[in-house]
Amino acid sequence: MFEPETRTLSPISNELAELDAVVHSGGFWRLVPEAVPRVYAPVTPQLLRRVEQGLKRVAR
């Protein structure tokens, strides 16, 4: 017989999950101008590389 999984989230995972829920429910949108996009492209490895390269250019 299989036992149900009893893993518990770390406090950091819990905090991130709560923050994610607040952000996705629109909790912070009242703090930014209407011109800021509310929908973004999916995060892919290619997108992360482009962001990293851009940040490195700015840091120079």
N, C-alpha and C. Protein backbone atom coordinates (compact mmCIF):
# COMPACT_ATOMS: atom_id res chain seq x y z
N MET A 1 0.84 -1.18 0.00
CA MET A 1 0.00 0.00 0.00
C MET A 1 0.88 1.24 0.00
N PHE A 2 0.47 2.26 -0.71
CA PHE A 2 1.25 3.48 -0.81
C PHE A 2 0.82 4.47 0.26
N GLU A 3 1.81 5.10 0.83
CA GLU A 3 1.54 6.15 1.81
C GLU A 3 1.43 7.49 1.07
N PRO A 4 0.54 8.36 1.49
CA PRO A 4 0.48 9.68 0.86
C PRO A 4 1.77 10.43 1.14
N GLU A 5 2.15 11.24 0.20
CA GLU A 5 3.38 12.00 0.35
C GLU A 5 3.21 13.04 1.46
N THR A 6 4.19 13.11 2.33
CA THR A 6 4.07 14.00 3.49
C THR A 6 5.13 15.09 3.47
N ARG A 7 5.60 15.44 2.27
CA ARG A 7 6.58 16.52 2.21
C ARG A 7 5.95 17.83 2.64
N THR A 8 6.71 18.64 3.34
CA THR A 8 6.24 19.97 3.71
C THR A 8 7.11 21.00 3.02
N LEU A 9 6.51 22.10 2.68
CA LEU A 9 7.26 23.18 2.04
C LEU A 9 8.12 23.90 3.06
N SER A 10 9.27 24.36 2.61
CA SER A 10 10.12 25.14 3.50
C SER A 10 9.46 26.50 3.71
N PRO A 11 9.87 27.23 4.75
CA PRO A 11 9.29 28.56 4.96
C PRO A 11 9.48 29.47 3.75
N ILE A 12 10.62 29.35 3.06
CA ILE A 12 10.86 30.18 1.88
C ILE A 12 9.89 29.79 0.77
N SER A 13 9.69 28.50 0.56
CA SER A 13 8.75 28.05 -0.46
C SER A 13 7.34 28.54 -0.16
N ASN A 14 6.96 28.48 1.11
CA ASN A 14 5.64 28.99 1.51
C ASN A 14 5.51 30.47 1.21
N GLU A 15 6.55 31.25 1.54
CA GLU A 15 6.52 32.69 1.29
C GLU A 15 6.43 32.99 -0.19
N LEU A 16 7.20 32.25 -1.00
CA LEU A 16 7.16 32.47 -2.45
C LEU A 16 5.80 32.10 -3.01
N ALA A 17 5.22 31.03 -2.51
CA ALA A 17 3.90 30.62 -2.98
C ALA A 17 2.85 31.67 -2.63
N GLU A 18 2.96 32.23 -1.44
CA GLU A 18 2.01 33.28 -1.03
C GLU A 18 2.19 34.53 -1.88
N LEU A 19 3.46 34.92 -2.13
CA LEU A 19 3.72 36.10 -2.96
C LEU A 19 3.21 35.87 -4.37
N ASP A 20 3.45 34.68 -4.91
CA ASP A 20 2.98 34.34 -6.25
C ASP A 20 1.46 34.45 -6.32
N ALA A 21 0.78 33.97 -5.31
CA ALA A 21 -0.69 34.03 -5.28
C ALA A 21 -1.18 35.48 -5.26
N VAL A 22 -0.52 36.32 -4.47
CA VAL A 22 -0.92 37.74 -4.39
C VAL A 22 -0.70 38.43 -5.73
N VAL A 23 0.46 38.19 -6.34
CA VAL A 23 0.76 38.83 -7.62
C VAL A 23 -0.23 38.37 -8.68
N HIS A 24 -0.49 37.06 -8.76
CA HIS A 24 -1.38 36.55 -9.80
C HIS A 24 -2.85 36.91 -9.55
N SER A 25 -3.18 37.27 -8.34
CA SER A 25 -4.56 37.70 -8.09
C SER A 25 -4.73 39.20 -8.32
N GLY A 26 -3.63 39.88 -8.72
CA GLY A 26 -3.72 41.30 -9.03
C GLY A 26 -3.43 42.20 -7.84
N GLY A 27 -2.87 41.68 -6.79
CA GLY A 27 -2.65 42.44 -5.56
C GLY A 27 -1.74 43.63 -5.68
N PHE A 28 -0.85 43.67 -6.67
CA PHE A 28 0.10 44.78 -6.77
C PHE A 28 -0.18 45.70 -7.94
N TRP A 29 -1.14 45.36 -8.78
CA TRP A 29 -1.34 46.15 -9.99
C TRP A 29 -1.76 47.58 -9.71
N ARG A 30 -2.36 47.82 -8.60
CA ARG A 30 -2.78 49.20 -8.31
C ARG A 30 -1.58 50.11 -8.05
N LEU A 31 -0.39 49.51 -7.89
CA LEU A 31 0.82 50.28 -7.59
C LEU A 31 1.59 50.70 -8.84
N VAL A 32 1.20 50.21 -10.01
CA VAL A 32 1.94 50.51 -11.23
C VAL A 32 1.04 51.21 -12.24
N PRO A 33 1.63 52.00 -13.15
CA PRO A 33 0.82 52.69 -14.16
C PRO A 33 0.10 51.71 -15.08
N GLU A 34 -0.97 52.17 -15.69
CA GLU A 34 -1.75 51.33 -16.61
C GLU A 34 -0.94 50.90 -17.82
N ALA A 35 0.11 51.64 -18.19
CA ALA A 35 0.91 51.32 -19.37
C ALA A 35 1.76 50.07 -19.18
N VAL A 36 1.94 49.63 -17.96
CA VAL A 36 2.76 48.44 -17.70
C VAL A 36 1.96 47.21 -18.11
N PRO A 37 2.56 46.34 -18.96
CA PRO A 37 1.81 45.16 -19.40
C PRO A 37 1.49 44.22 -18.25
N ARG A 38 0.32 43.63 -18.32
CA ARG A 38 -0.12 42.68 -17.29
C ARG A 38 0.12 41.23 -17.70
N VAL A 39 0.40 41.01 -18.98
CA VAL A 39 0.62 39.67 -19.49
C VAL A 39 2.01 39.63 -20.10
N TYR A 40 2.75 38.60 -19.78
CA TYR A 40 4.13 38.49 -20.23
C TYR A 40 4.33 37.20 -21.00
N ALA A 41 5.41 37.17 -21.79
CA ALA A 41 5.78 35.96 -22.52
C ALA A 41 6.18 34.88 -21.51
N PRO A 42 5.99 33.63 -21.88
CA PRO A 42 6.40 32.56 -20.96
C PRO A 42 7.92 32.59 -20.76
N VAL A 43 8.35 32.23 -19.58
CA VAL A 43 9.77 32.21 -19.26
C VAL A 43 10.38 30.96 -19.88
N THR A 44 11.34 31.18 -20.76
CA THR A 44 12.04 30.09 -21.42
C THR A 44 13.54 30.26 -21.18
N PRO A 45 14.32 29.22 -21.41
CA PRO A 45 15.78 29.38 -21.27
C PRO A 45 16.33 30.47 -22.18
N GLN A 46 15.78 30.60 -23.39
CA GLN A 46 16.24 31.64 -24.31
C GLN A 46 15.96 33.03 -23.74
N LEU A 47 14.78 33.21 -23.19
CA LEU A 47 14.42 34.50 -22.60
C LEU A 47 15.33 34.82 -21.42
N LEU A 48 15.60 33.84 -20.59
CA LEU A 48 16.49 34.06 -19.45
C LEU A 48 17.89 34.46 -19.91
N ARG A 49 18.38 33.84 -20.99
CA ARG A 49 19.70 34.21 -21.53
C ARG A 49 19.70 35.65 -22.01
N ARG A 50 18.62 36.05 -22.71
CA ARG A 50 18.53 37.44 -23.20
C ARG A 50 18.50 38.43 -22.05
N VAL A 51 17.77 38.12 -21.00
CA VAL A 51 17.70 38.99 -19.83
C VAL A 51 19.08 39.07 -19.18
N GLU A 52 19.75 37.93 -19.03
CA GLU A 52 21.08 37.91 -18.42
C GLU A 52 22.06 38.76 -19.23
N GLN A 53 22.04 38.60 -20.55
CA GLN A 53 22.93 39.38 -21.41
C GLN A 53 22.65 40.87 -21.29
N GLY A 54 21.38 41.24 -21.25
CA GLY A 54 21.01 42.65 -21.11
C GLY A 54 21.47 43.22 -19.78
N LEU A 55 21.31 42.45 -18.71
CA LEU A 55 21.75 42.92 -17.39
C LEU A 55 23.27 43.08 -17.35
N LYS A 56 23.99 42.18 -18.00
CA LYS A 56 25.44 42.28 -18.04
C LYS A 56 25.88 43.53 -18.80
N ARG A 57 25.15 43.85 -19.91
CA ARG A 57 25.47 45.07 -20.66
C ARG A 57 25.26 46.31 -19.81
N VAL A 58 24.18 46.34 -19.07
CA VAL A 58 23.86 47.51 -18.22
C VAL A 58 24.87 47.65 -17.08
N ALA A 59 25.36 46.52 -16.57
CA ALA A 59 26.27 46.54 -15.42
C ALA A 59 27.66 47.04 -15.79
N ARG A 60 27.99 47.05 -17.05
CA ARG A 60 29.35 47.49 -17.46
C ARG A 60 29.54 48.95 -17.33
